[in-house]
Amino acid sequence: MAPSDITIEILKDIRDGVRGTNERLERVEGRLETMDGRLERVEGRLETMDGRLETVEGALLDLAGQHRFVVRYMRGLARRDTRIDGDVADLRVRVEALEVKVEGKRT
């Protein structure tokens, strides 16, 4: 082969290599576009989830506030019940004393 034939063959090989590289780059570009679409869909779903989580967080905060209210209310009832127990015991003693007086006057 003459030196010009070898040069031509080398240039053809380089051209074919560049074409192959271009084809691979086009496939990679297509895959990247597909991935970009998928990432956009995932981003949309994450935004939806974020909104839902904000709603759940708000509901839990409301529930916690209601729970605190119920606990305070129940503590108040429990304290009142302990005071009432003493009052009821005192009233029983007084009623029994009155009953004894009434029975004593009847006889």
PDB file of N, CA and C in Angstrom:
ATOM      1  N   MET A   1       0.826  -1.180   0.000  1.00  0.00           N
ATOM      2  CA  MET A   1       0.000   0.000   0.000  1.00  0.00           C
ATOM      3  C   MET A   1       0.872   1.246   0.000  1.00  0.00           C
ATOM      4  N   ALA A   2       0.376   2.168  -0.737  1.00  0.00           N
ATOM      5  CA  ALA A   2       1.091   3.442  -0.808  1.00  0.00           C
ATOM      6  C   ALA A   2       0.762   4.252   0.440  1.00  0.00           C
ATOM      7  N   PRO A   3       1.658   5.150   0.799  1.00  0.00           N
ATOM      8  CA  PRO A   3       1.417   5.955   1.995  1.00  0.00           C
ATOM      9  C   PRO A   3       0.082   6.703   1.931  1.00  0.00           C
ATOM     10  N   SER A   4      -0.354   7.103   0.802  1.00  0.00           N
ATOM     11  CA  SER A   4      -1.625   7.819   0.721  1.00  0.00           C
ATOM     12  C   SER A   4      -2.793   6.871   0.977  1.00  0.00           C
ATOM     13  N   ASP A   5      -2.654   5.572   0.563  1.00  0.00           N
ATOM     14  CA  ASP A   5      -3.701   4.587   0.832  1.00  0.00           C
ATOM     15  C   ASP A   5      -3.821   4.319   2.334  1.00  0.00           C
ATOM     16  N   ILE A   6      -2.682   4.238   3.007  1.00  0.00           N
ATOM     17  CA  ILE A   6      -2.695   4.015   4.458  1.00  0.00           C
ATOM     18  C   ILE A   6      -3.347   5.208   5.145  1.00  0.00           C
ATOM     19  N   THR A   7      -3.019   6.393   4.696  1.00  0.00           N
ATOM     20  CA  THR A   7      -3.614   7.605   5.268  1.00  0.00           C
ATOM     21  C   THR A   7      -5.118   7.597   5.074  1.00  0.00           C
ATOM     22  N   ILE A   8      -5.555   7.206   3.901  1.00  0.00           N
ATOM     23  CA  ILE A   8      -6.989   7.161   3.616  1.00  0.00           C
ATOM     24  C   ILE A   8      -7.670   6.138   4.528  1.00  0.00           C
ATOM     25  N   GLU A   9      -7.064   4.975   4.705  1.00  0.00           N
ATOM     26  CA  GLU A   9      -7.628   3.945   5.565  1.00  0.00           C
ATOM     27  C   GLU A   9      -7.699   4.427   7.019  1.00  0.00           C
ATOM     28  N   ILE A  10      -6.662   5.095   7.463  1.00  0.00           N
ATOM     29  CA  ILE A  10      -6.651   5.617   8.837  1.00  0.00           C
ATOM     30  C   ILE A  10      -7.761   6.654   8.999  1.00  0.00           C
ATOM     31  N   LEU A  11      -7.878   7.526   8.010  1.00  0.00           N
ATOM     32  CA  LEU A  11      -8.927   8.545   8.072  1.00  0.00           C
ATOM     33  C   LEU A  11     -10.317   7.916   8.050  1.00  0.00           C
ATOM     34  N   LYS A  12     -10.484   6.831   7.265  1.00  0.00           N
ATOM     35  CA  LYS A  12     -11.781   6.132   7.242  1.00  0.00           C
ATOM     36  C   LYS A  12     -12.085   5.518   8.615  1.00  0.00           C
ATOM     37  N   ASP A  13     -11.049   4.920   9.228  1.00  0.00           N
ATOM     38  CA  ASP A  13     -11.234   4.341  10.555  1.00  0.00           C
ATOM     39  C   ASP A  13     -11.608   5.422  11.573  1.00  0.00           C
ATOM     40  N   ILE A  14     -10.942   6.566  11.480  1.00  0.00           N
ATOM     41  CA  ILE A  14     -11.258   7.672  12.385  1.00  0.00           C
ATOM     42  C   ILE A  14     -12.694   8.137  12.161  1.00  0.00           C
ATOM     43  N   ARG A  15     -13.081   8.268  10.863  1.00  0.00           N
ATOM     44  CA  ARG A  15     -14.448   8.682  10.533  1.00  0.00           C
ATOM     45  C   ARG A  15     -15.464   7.689  11.093  1.00  0.00           C
ATOM     46  N   ASP A  16     -15.210   6.404  10.919  1.00  0.00           N
ATOM     47  CA  ASP A  16     -16.133   5.389  11.437  1.00  0.00           C
ATOM     48  C   ASP A  16     -16.195   5.431  12.967  1.00  0.00           C
ATOM     49  N   GLY A  17     -15.065   5.669  13.599  1.00  0.00           N
ATOM     50  CA  GLY A  17     -15.031   5.778  15.054  1.00  0.00           C
ATOM     51  C   GLY A  17     -15.851   6.985  15.537  1.00  0.00           C
ATOM     52  N   VAL A  18     -15.710   8.087  14.822  1.00  0.00           N
ATOM     53  CA  VAL A  18     -16.457   9.298  15.185  1.00  0.00           C
ATOM     54  C   VAL A  18     -17.948   9.053  14.993  1.00  0.00           C
ATOM     55  N   ARG A  19     -18.325   8.390  13.910  1.00  0.00           N
ATOM     56  CA  ARG A  19     -19.740   8.072  13.683  1.00  0.00           C
ATOM     57  C   ARG A  19     -20.272   7.178  14.804  1.00  0.00           C
ATOM     58  N   GLY A  20     -19.493   6.171  15.187  1.00  0.00           N
ATOM     59  CA  GLY A  20     -19.912   5.284  16.286  1.00  0.00           C
ATOM     60  C   GLY A  20     -20.046   6.052  17.583  1.00  0.00           C
ATOM     61  N   THR A  21     -19.095   6.944  17.828  1.00  0.00           N
ATOM     62  CA  THR A  21     -19.160   7.766  19.039  1.00  0.00           C
ATOM     63  C   THR A  21     -20.407   8.646  19.006  1.00  0.00           C
ATOM     64  N   ASN A  22     -20.690   9.231  17.853  1.00  0.00           N
ATOM     65  CA  ASN A  22     -21.889  10.067  17.727  1.00  0.00           C
ATOM     66  C   ASN A  22     -23.165   9.260  17.995  1.00  0.00           C
ATOM     67  N   GLU A  23     -23.220   8.048  17.475  1.00  0.00           N
ATOM     68  CA  GLU A  23     -24.395   7.203  17.690  1.00  0.00           C
ATOM     69  C   GLU A  23     -24.567   6.884  19.178  1.00  0.00           C
ATOM     70  N   ARG A  24     -23.447   6.569  19.834  1.00  0.00           N
ATOM     71  CA  ARG A  24     -23.516   6.289  21.270  1.00  0.00           C
ATOM     72  C   ARG A  24     -23.940   7.533  22.055  1.00  0.00           C
ATOM     73  N   LEU A  25     -23.418   8.667  21.657  1.00  0.00           N
ATOM     74  CA  LEU A  25     -23.802   9.915  22.331  1.00  0.00           C
ATOM     75  C   LEU A  25     -25.290  10.214  22.131  1.00  0.00           C
ATOM     76  N   GLU A  26     -25.821   9.927  20.956  1.00  0.00           N
ATOM     77  CA  GLU A  26     -27.250  10.137  20.702  1.00  0.00           C
ATOM     78  C   GLU A  26     -28.095   9.214  21.580  1.00  0.00           C
ATOM     79  N   ARG A  27     -27.642   7.955  21.743  1.00  0.00           N
ATOM     80  CA  ARG A  27     -28.367   7.037  22.621  1.00  0.00           C
ATOM     81  C   ARG A  27     -28.320   7.520  24.067  1.00  0.00           C
ATOM     82  N   VAL A  28     -27.152   7.984  24.485  1.00  0.00           N
ATOM     83  CA  VAL A  28     -27.014   8.507  25.842  1.00  0.00           C
ATOM     84  C   VAL A  28     -27.915   9.726  26.019  1.00  0.00           C
ATOM     85  N   GLU A  29     -27.956  10.584  25.017  1.00  0.00           N
ATOM     86  CA  GLU A  29     -28.805  11.776  25.082  1.00  0.00           C
ATOM     87  C   GLU A  29     -30.280  11.375  25.209  1.00  0.00           C
ATOM     88  N   GLY A  30     -30.692  10.365  24.462  1.00  0.00           N
ATOM     89  CA  GLY A  30     -32.071   9.873  24.574  1.00  0.00           C
ATOM     90  C   GLY A  30     -32.359   9.343  25.962  1.00  0.00           C
ATOM     91  N   ARG A  31     -31.421   8.614  26.518  1.00  0.00           N
ATOM     92  CA  ARG A  31     -31.597   8.098  27.877  1.00  0.00           C
ATOM     93  C   ARG A  31     -31.673   9.239  28.892  1.00  0.00           C
ATOM     94  N   LEU A  32     -30.840  10.264  28.690  1.00  0.00           N
ATOM     95  CA  LEU A  32     -30.870  11.404  29.600  1.00  0.00           C
ATOM     96  C   LEU A  32     -32.204  12.131  29.523  1.00  0.00           C
ATOM     97  N   GLU A  33     -32.767  12.252  28.338  1.00  0.00           N
ATOM     98  CA  GLU A  33     -34.074  12.891  28.191  1.00  0.00           C
ATOM     99  C   GLU A  33     -35.145  12.063  28.904  1.00  0.00           C
ATOM    100  N   THR A  34     -35.057  10.738  28.771  1.00  0.00           N
ATOM    101  CA  THR A  34     -36.000   9.862  29.465  1.00  0.00           C
ATOM    102  C   THR A  34     -35.861  10.035  30.980  1.00  0.00           C
ATOM    103  N   MET A  35     -34.615  10.067  31.447  1.00  0.00           N
ATOM    104  CA  MET A  35     -34.379  10.245  32.879  1.00  0.00           C
ATOM    105  C   MET A  35     -34.891  11.603  33.348  1.00  0.00           C
ATOM    106  N   ASP A  36     -34.733  12.626  32.519  1.00  0.00           N
ATOM    107  CA  ASP A  36     -35.211  13.955  32.875  1.00  0.00           C
ATOM    108  C   ASP A  36     -36.728  13.936  33.057  1.00  0.00           C
ATOM    109  N   GLY A  37     -37.433  13.258  32.151  1.00  0.00           N
ATOM    110  CA  GLY A  37     -38.892  13.141  32.283  1.00  0.00           C
ATOM    111  C   GLY A  37     -39.275  12.400  33.547  1.00  0.00           C
ATOM    112  N   ARG A  38     -38.560  11.342  33.830  1.00  0.00           N
ATOM    113  CA  ARG A  38     -38.842  10.583  35.055  1.00  0.00           C
ATOM    114  C   ARG A  38     -38.594  11.428  36.294  1.00  0.00           C
ATOM    115  N   LEU A  39     -37.506  12.169  36.295  1.00  0.00           N
ATOM    116  CA  LEU A  39     -37.188  13.017  37.440  1.00  0.00           C
ATOM    117  C   LEU A  39     -38.250  14.103  37.641  1.00  0.00           C
ATOM    118  N   GLU A  40     -38.778  14.634  36.551  1.00  0.00           N
ATOM    119  CA  GLU A  40     -39.850  15.633  36.662  1.00  0.00           C
ATOM    120  C   GLU A  40     -41.098  15.013  37.296  1.00  0.00           C
ATOM    121  N   ARG A  41     -41.414  13.782  36.888  1.00  0.00           N
ATOM    122  CA  ARG A  41     -42.577  13.110  37.486  1.00  0.00           C
ATOM    123  C   ARG A  41     -42.344  12.845  38.978  1.00  0.00           C
ATOM    124  N   VAL A  42     -41.136  12.411  39.325  1.00  0.00           N
ATOM    125  CA  VAL A  42     -40.809  12.156  40.731  1.00  0.00           C
ATOM    126  C   VAL A  42     -40.898  13.458  41.527  1.00  0.00           C
ATOM    127  N   GLU A  43     -40.415  14.542  40.941  1.00  0.00           N
ATOM    128  CA  GLU A  43     -40.480  15.835  41.615  1.00  0.00           C
ATOM    129  C   GLU A  43     -41.936  16.236  41.868  1.00  0.00           C
ATOM    130  N   GLY A  44     -42.793  16.005  40.903  1.00  0.00           N
ATOM    131  CA  GLY A  44     -44.210  16.302  41.090  1.00  0.00           C
ATOM    132  C   GLY A  44     -44.822  15.471  42.207  1.00  0.00           C
ATOM    133  N   ARG A  45     -44.458  14.191  42.242  1.00  0.00           N
ATOM    134  CA  ARG A  45     -44.987  13.335  43.296  1.00  0.00           C
ATOM    135  C   ARG A  45     -44.476  13.777  44.668  1.00  0.00           C
ATOM    136  N   LEU A  46     -43.203  14.194  44.721  1.00  0.00           N
ATOM    137  CA  LEU A  46     -42.649  14.663  45.990  1.00  0.00           C
ATOM    138  C   LEU A  46     -43.351  15.929  46.461  1.00  0.00           C
ATOM    139  N   GLU A  47     -43.684  16.812  45.537  1.00  0.00           N
ATOM    140  CA  GLU A  47     -44.419  18.026  45.915  1.00  0.00           C
ATOM    141  C   GLU A  47     -45.803  17.658  46.456  1.00  0.00           C
ATOM    142  N   THR A  48     -46.449  16.680  45.823  1.00  0.00           N
ATOM    143  CA  THR A  48     -47.746  16.215  46.312  1.00  0.00           C
ATOM    144  C   THR A  48     -47.601  15.632  47.712  1.00  0.00           C
ATOM    145  N   MET A  49     -46.588  14.812  47.901  1.00  0.00           N
ATOM    146  CA  MET A  49     -46.352  14.204  49.215  1.00  0.00           C
ATOM    147  C   MET A  49     -46.065  15.277  50.262  1.00  0.00           C
ATOM    148  N   ASP A  50     -45.318  16.302  49.874  1.00  0.00           N
ATOM    149  CA  ASP A  50     -45.008  17.382  50.791  1.00  0.00           C
ATOM    150  C   ASP A  50     -46.292  18.075  51.248  1.00  0.00           C
ATOM    151  N   GLY A  51     -47.197  18.310  50.315  1.00  0.00           N
ATOM    152  CA  GLY A  51     -48.481  18.914  50.672  1.00  0.00           C
ATOM    153  C   GLY A  51     -49.275  18.025  51.609  1.00  0.00           C
ATOM    154  N   ARG A  52     -49.278  16.749  51.327  1.00  0.00           N
ATOM    155  CA  ARG A  52     -50.007  15.817  52.191  1.00  0.00           C
ATOM    156  C   ARG A  52     -49.404  15.773  53.586  1.00  0.00           C
ATOM    157  N   LEU A  53     -48.069  15.768  53.655  1.00  0.00           N
ATOM    158  CA  LEU A  53     -47.406  15.729  54.958  1.00  0.00           C
ATOM    159  C   LEU A  53     -47.691  17.003  55.756  1.00  0.00           C
ATOM    160  N   GLU A  54     -47.782  18.135  55.064  1.00  0.00           N
ATOM    161  CA  GLU A  54     -48.136  19.376  55.757  1.00  0.00           C
ATOM    162  C   GLU A  54     -49.537  19.269  56.345  1.00  0.00           C
ATOM    163  N   THR A  55     -50.451  18.659  55.589  1.00  0.00           N
ATOM    164  CA  THR A  55     -51.815  18.469  56.083  1.00  0.00           C
ATOM    165  C   THR A  55     -51.822  17.560  57.304  1.00  0.00           C
ATOM    166  N   VAL A  56     -51.074  16.468  57.233  1.00  0.00           N
ATOM    167  CA  VAL A  56     -51.000  15.534  58.364  1.00  0.00           C
ATOM    168  C   VAL A  56     -50.370  16.221  59.576  1.00  0.00           C
ATOM    169  N   GLU A  57     -49.333  17.008  59.335  1.00  0.00           N
ATOM    170  CA  GLU A  57     -48.681  17.723  60.431  1.00  0.00           C
ATOM    171  C   GLU A  57     -49.666  18.671  61.111  1.00  0.00           C
ATOM    172  N   GLY A  58     -50.431  19.395  60.314  1.00  0.00           N
ATOM    173  CA  GLY A  58     -51.434  20.299  60.882  1.00  0.00           C
ATOM    174  C   GLY A  58     -52.472  19.550  61.699  1.00  0.00           C
ATOM    175  N   ALA A  59     -52.920  18.420  61.168  1.00  0.00           N
ATOM    176  CA  ALA A  59     -53.917  17.624  61.896  1.00  0.00           C
ATOM    177  C   ALA A  59     -53.342  17.102  63.208  1.00  0.00           C
ATOM    178  N   LEU A  60     -52.083  16.668  63.190  1.00  0.00           N
ATOM    179  CA  LEU A  60     -51.458  16.161  64.416  1.00  0.00           C
ATOM    180  C   LEU A  60     -51.274  17.274  65.446  1.00  0.00           C
ATOM    181  N   LEU A  61     -50.930  18.468  64.971  1.00  0.00           N
ATOM    182  CA  LEU A  61     -50.797  19.588  65.909  1.00  0.00           C
ATOM    183  C   LEU A  61     -52.148  19.932  66.530  1.00  0.00           C
ATOM    184  N   ASP A  62     -53.203  19.922  65.717  1.00  0.00           N
ATOM    185  CA  ASP A  62     -54.546  20.156  66.246  1.00  0.00           C
ATOM    186  C   ASP A  62     -54.925  19.081  67.269  1.00  0.00           C
ATOM    187  N   LEU A  63     -54.641  17.840  66.929  1.00  0.00           N
ATOM    188  CA  LEU A  63     -54.948  16.735  67.830  1.00  0.00           C
ATOM    189  C   LEU A  63     -54.180  16.863  69.141  1.00  0.00           C
ATOM    190  N   ALA A  64     -52.909  17.271  69.056  1.00  0.00           N
ATOM    191  CA  ALA A  64     -52.114  17.448  70.277  1.00  0.00           C
ATOM    192  C   ALA A  64     -52.723  18.551  71.148  1.00  0.00           C
ATOM    193  N   GLY A  65     -53.177  19.624  70.526  1.00  0.00           N
ATOM    194  CA  GLY A  65     -53.819  20.690  71.294  1.00  0.00           C
ATOM    195  C   GLY A  65     -55.082  20.212  71.976  1.00  0.00           C
ATOM    196  N   GLN A  66     -55.886  19.448  71.257  1.00  0.00           N
ATOM    197  CA  GLN A  66     -57.104  18.899  71.843  1.00  0.00           C
ATOM    198  C   GLN A  66     -56.778  17.927  72.976  1.00  0.00           C
ATOM    199  N   HIS A  67     -55.744  17.159  72.794  1.00  0.00           N
ATOM    200  CA  HIS A  67     -55.320  16.198  73.819  1.00  0.00           C
ATOM    201  C   HIS A  67     -54.912  16.945  75.095  1.00  0.00           C
ATOM    202  N   ARG A  68     -54.146  18.025  74.937  1.00  0.00           N
ATOM    203  CA  ARG A  68     -53.757  18.817  76.112  1.00  0.00           C
ATOM    204  C   ARG A  68     -54.990  19.359  76.826  1.00  0.00           C
ATOM    205  N   PHE A  69     -55.966  19.826  76.048  1.00  0.00           N
ATOM    206  CA  PHE A  69     -57.194  20.347  76.648  1.00  0.00           C
ATOM    207  C   PHE A  69     -57.913  19.265  77.442  1.00  0.00           C
ATOM    208  N   VAL A  70     -58.034  18.075  76.860  1.00  0.00           N
ATOM    209  CA  VAL A  70     -58.729  16.969  77.533  1.00  0.00           C
ATOM    210  C   VAL A  70     -57.981  16.572  78.802  1.00  0.00           C
ATOM    211  N   VAL A  71     -56.659  16.539  78.735  1.00  0.00           N
ATOM    212  CA  VAL A  71     -55.869  16.175  79.926  1.00  0.00           C
ATOM    213  C   VAL A  71     -56.094  17.192  81.034  1.00  0.00           C
ATOM    214  N   ARG A  72     -56.048  18.488  80.684  1.00  0.00           N
ATOM    215  CA  ARG A  72     -56.298  19.520  81.708  1.00  0.00           C
ATOM    216  C   ARG A  72     -57.704  19.373  82.295  1.00  0.00           C
ATOM    217  N   TYR A  73     -58.669  19.137  81.430  1.00  0.00           N
ATOM    218  CA  TYR A  73     -60.052  18.989  81.880  1.00  0.00           C
ATOM    219  C   TYR A  73     -60.192  17.800  82.821  1.00  0.00           C
ATOM    220  N   MET A  74     -59.591  16.677  82.448  1.00  0.00           N
ATOM    221  CA  MET A  74     -59.682  15.469  83.272  1.00  0.00           C
ATOM    222  C   MET A  74     -58.963  15.667  84.608  1.00  0.00           C
ATOM    223  N   ARG A  75     -57.838  16.375  84.604  1.00  0.00           N
ATOM    224  CA  ARG A  75     -57.151  16.658  85.876  1.00  0.00           C
ATOM    225  C   ARG A  75     -58.040  17.507  86.775  1.00  0.00           C
ATOM    226  N   GLY A  76     -58.688  18.491  86.166  1.00  0.00           N
ATOM    227  CA  GLY A  76     -59.599  19.325  86.939  1.00  0.00           C
ATOM    228  C   GLY A  76     -60.733  18.509  87.538  1.00  0.00           C
ATOM    229  N   LEU A  77     -61.291  17.607  86.743  1.00  0.00           N
ATOM    230  CA  LEU A  77     -62.351  16.731  87.260  1.00  0.00           C
ATOM    231  C   LEU A  77     -61.845  15.858  88.396  1.00  0.00           C
ATOM    232  N   ALA A  78     -60.651  15.327  88.222  1.00  0.00           N
ATOM    233  CA  ALA A  78     -60.090  14.452  89.260  1.00  0.00           C
ATOM    234  C   ALA A  78     -59.886  15.235  90.557  1.00  0.00           C
ATOM    235  N   ARG A  79     -59.391  16.473  90.455  1.00  0.00           N
ATOM    236  CA  ARG A  79     -59.205  17.289  91.660  1.00  0.00           C
ATOM    237  C   ARG A  79     -60.549  17.598  92.304  1.00  0.00           C
ATOM    238  N   ARG A  80     -61.528  17.933  91.470  1.00  0.00           N
ATOM    239  CA  ARG A  80     -62.850  18.246  92.004  1.00  0.00           C
ATOM    240  C   ARG A  80     -63.448  17.024  92.698  1.00  0.00           C
ATOM    241  N   ASP A  81     -63.247  15.841  92.097  1.00  0.00           N
ATOM    242  CA  ASP A  81     -63.778  14.616  92.701  1.00  0.00           C
ATOM    243  C   ASP A  81     -63.172  14.360  94.065  1.00  0.00           C
ATOM    244  N   THR A  82     -61.889  14.635  94.230  1.00  0.00           N
ATOM    245  CA  THR A  82     -61.281  14.408  95.546  1.00  0.00           C
ATOM    246  C   THR A  82     -61.847  15.384  96.565  1.00  0.00           C
ATOM    247  N   ARG A  83     -62.122  16.620  96.161  1.00  0.00           N
ATOM    248  CA  ARG A  83     -62.740  17.586  97.091  1.00  0.00           C
ATOM    249  C   ARG A  83     -64.173  17.175  97.403  1.00  0.00           C
ATOM    250  N   ILE A  84     -64.873  16.701  96.381  1.00  0.00           N
ATOM    251  CA  ILE A  84     -66.272  16.290  96.574  1.00  0.00           C
ATOM    252  C   ILE A  84     -66.352  15.094  97.515  1.00  0.00           C
ATOM    253  N   ASP A  85     -65.397  14.164  97.411  1.00  0.00           N
ATOM    254  CA  ASP A  85     -65.405  12.989  98.297  1.00  0.00           C
ATOM    255  C   ASP A  85     -65.409  13.414  99.764  1.00  0.00           C
ATOM    256  N   GLY A  86     -64.584  14.399 100.084  1.00  0.00           N
ATOM    257  CA  GLY A  86     -64.554  14.886 101.474  1.00  0.00           C
ATOM    258  C   GLY A  86     -65.874  15.535 101.854  1.00  0.00           C
ATOM    259  N   ASP A  87     -66.433  16.320 100.940  1.00  0.00           N
ATOM    260  CA  ASP A  87     -67.722  16.973 101.220  1.00  0.00           C
ATOM    261  C   ASP A  87     -68.828  15.944 101.398  1.00  0.00           C
ATOM    262  N   VAL A  88     -68.840  14.919 100.549  1.00  0.00           N
ATOM    263  CA  VAL A  88     -69.863  13.873 100.651  1.00  0.00           C
ATOM    264  C   VAL A  88     -69.731  13.130 101.968  1.00  0.00           C
ATOM    265  N   ALA A  89     -68.506  12.816 102.362  1.00  0.00           N
ATOM    266  CA  ALA A  89     -68.291  12.121 103.641  1.00  0.00           C
ATOM    267  C   ALA A  89     -68.804  12.987 104.800  1.00  0.00           C
ATOM    268  N   ASP A  90     -68.509  14.285 104.736  1.00  0.00           N
ATOM    269  CA  ASP A  90     -68.986  15.197 105.779  1.00  0.00           C
ATOM    270  C   ASP A  90     -70.508  15.245 105.814  1.00  0.00           C
ATOM    271  N   LEU A  91     -71.130  15.309 104.637  1.00  0.00           N
ATOM    272  CA  LEU A  91     -72.593  15.331 104.573  1.00  0.00           C
ATOM    273  C   LEU A  91     -73.189  14.036 105.110  1.00  0.00           C
ATOM    274  N   ARG A  92     -72.580  12.900 104.855  1.00  0.00           N
ATOM    275  CA  ARG A  92     -73.078  11.627 105.384  1.00  0.00           C
ATOM    276  C   ARG A  92     -73.080  11.638 106.907  1.00  0.00           C
ATOM    277  N   VAL A  93     -71.983  12.155 107.449  1.00  0.00           N
ATOM    278  CA  VAL A  93     -71.891  12.213 108.919  1.00  0.00           C
ATOM    279  C   VAL A  93     -73.001  13.097 109.464  1.00  0.00           C
ATOM    280  N   ARG A  94     -73.231  14.231 108.821  1.00  0.00           N
ATOM    281  CA  ARG A  94     -74.262  15.158 109.290  1.00  0.00           C
ATOM    282  C   ARG A  94     -75.655  14.546 109.136  1.00  0.00           C
ATOM    283  N   VAL A  95     -75.900  13.851 108.020  1.00  0.00           N
ATOM    284  CA  VAL A  95     -77.209  13.215 107.812  1.00  0.00           C
ATOM    285  C   VAL A  95     -77.420  12.129 108.858  1.00  0.00           C
ATOM    286  N   GLU A  96     -76.408  11.340 109.092  1.00  0.00           N
ATOM    287  CA  GLU A  96     -76.535  10.294 110.112  1.00  0.00           C
ATOM    288  C   GLU A  96     -76.825  10.907 111.476  1.00  0.00           C
ATOM    289  N   ALA A  97     -76.183  12.020 111.790  1.00  0.00           N
ATOM    290  CA  ALA A  97     -76.431  12.685 113.073  1.00  0.00           C
ATOM    291  C   ALA A  97     -77.868  13.183 113.126  1.00  0.00           C
ATOM    292  N   LEU A  98     -78.352  13.742 112.024  1.00  0.00           N
ATOM    293  CA  LEU A  98     -79.746  14.203 111.972  1.00  0.00           C
ATOM    294  C   LEU A  98     -80.714  13.032 112.102  1.00  0.00           C
ATOM    295  N   GLU A  99     -80.399  11.930 111.452  1.00  0.00           N
ATOM    296  CA  GLU A  99     -81.267  10.756 111.549  1.00  0.00           C
ATOM    297  C   GLU A  99     -81.329  10.243 112.986  1.00  0.00           C
ATOM    298  N   VAL A 100     -80.203  10.281 113.660  1.00  0.00           N
ATOM    299  CA  VAL A 100     -80.175   9.837 115.059  1.00  0.00           C
ATOM    300  C   VAL A 100     -81.045  10.769 115.902  1.00  0.00           C
ATOM    301  N   LYS A 101     -80.978  12.071 115.674  1.00  0.00           N
ATOM    302  CA  LYS A 101     -81.802  13.026 116.419  1.00  0.00           C
ATOM    303  C   LYS A 101     -83.272  12.796 116.153  1.00  0.00           C
ATOM    304  N   VAL A 102     -83.600  12.590 114.882  1.00  0.00           N
ATOM    305  CA  VAL A 102     -85.008  12.369 114.527  1.00  0.00           C
ATOM    306  C   VAL A 102     -85.494  11.085 115.158  1.00  0.00           C
ATOM    307  N   GLU A 103     -84.728  10.036 115.119  1.00  0.00           N
ATOM    308  CA  GLU A 103     -85.116   8.766 115.731  1.00  0.00           C
ATOM    309  C   GLU A 103     -85.267   8.927 117.237  1.00  0.00           C
ATOM    310  N   GLY A 104     -84.395   9.740 117.843  1.00  0.00           N
ATOM    311  CA  GLY A 104     -84.450   9.942 119.277  1.00  0.00           C
ATOM    312  C   GLY A 104     -85.716  10.689 119.694  1.00  0.00           C
ATOM    313  N   LYS A 105     -86.202  11.592 118.888  1.00  0.00           N
ATOM    314  CA  LYS A 105     -87.392  12.361 119.192  1.00  0.00           C
ATOM    315  C   LYS A 105     -88.637  11.505 118.976  1.00  0.00           C
ATOM    316  N   ARG A 106     -88.613  10.532 118.126  1.00  0.00           N
ATOM    317  CA  ARG A 106     -89.757   9.694 117.846  1.00  0.00           C
ATOM    318  C   ARG A 106     -89.995   8.724 118.993  1.00  0.00           C
ATOM    319  N   THR A 107     -88.977   8.314 119.604  1.00  0.00           N
ATOM    320  CA  THR A 107     -89.164   7.332 120.654  1.00  0.00           C
ATOM    321  C   THR A 107     -89.497   7.916 121.971  1.00  0.00           C
TER     322      THR A 107
END
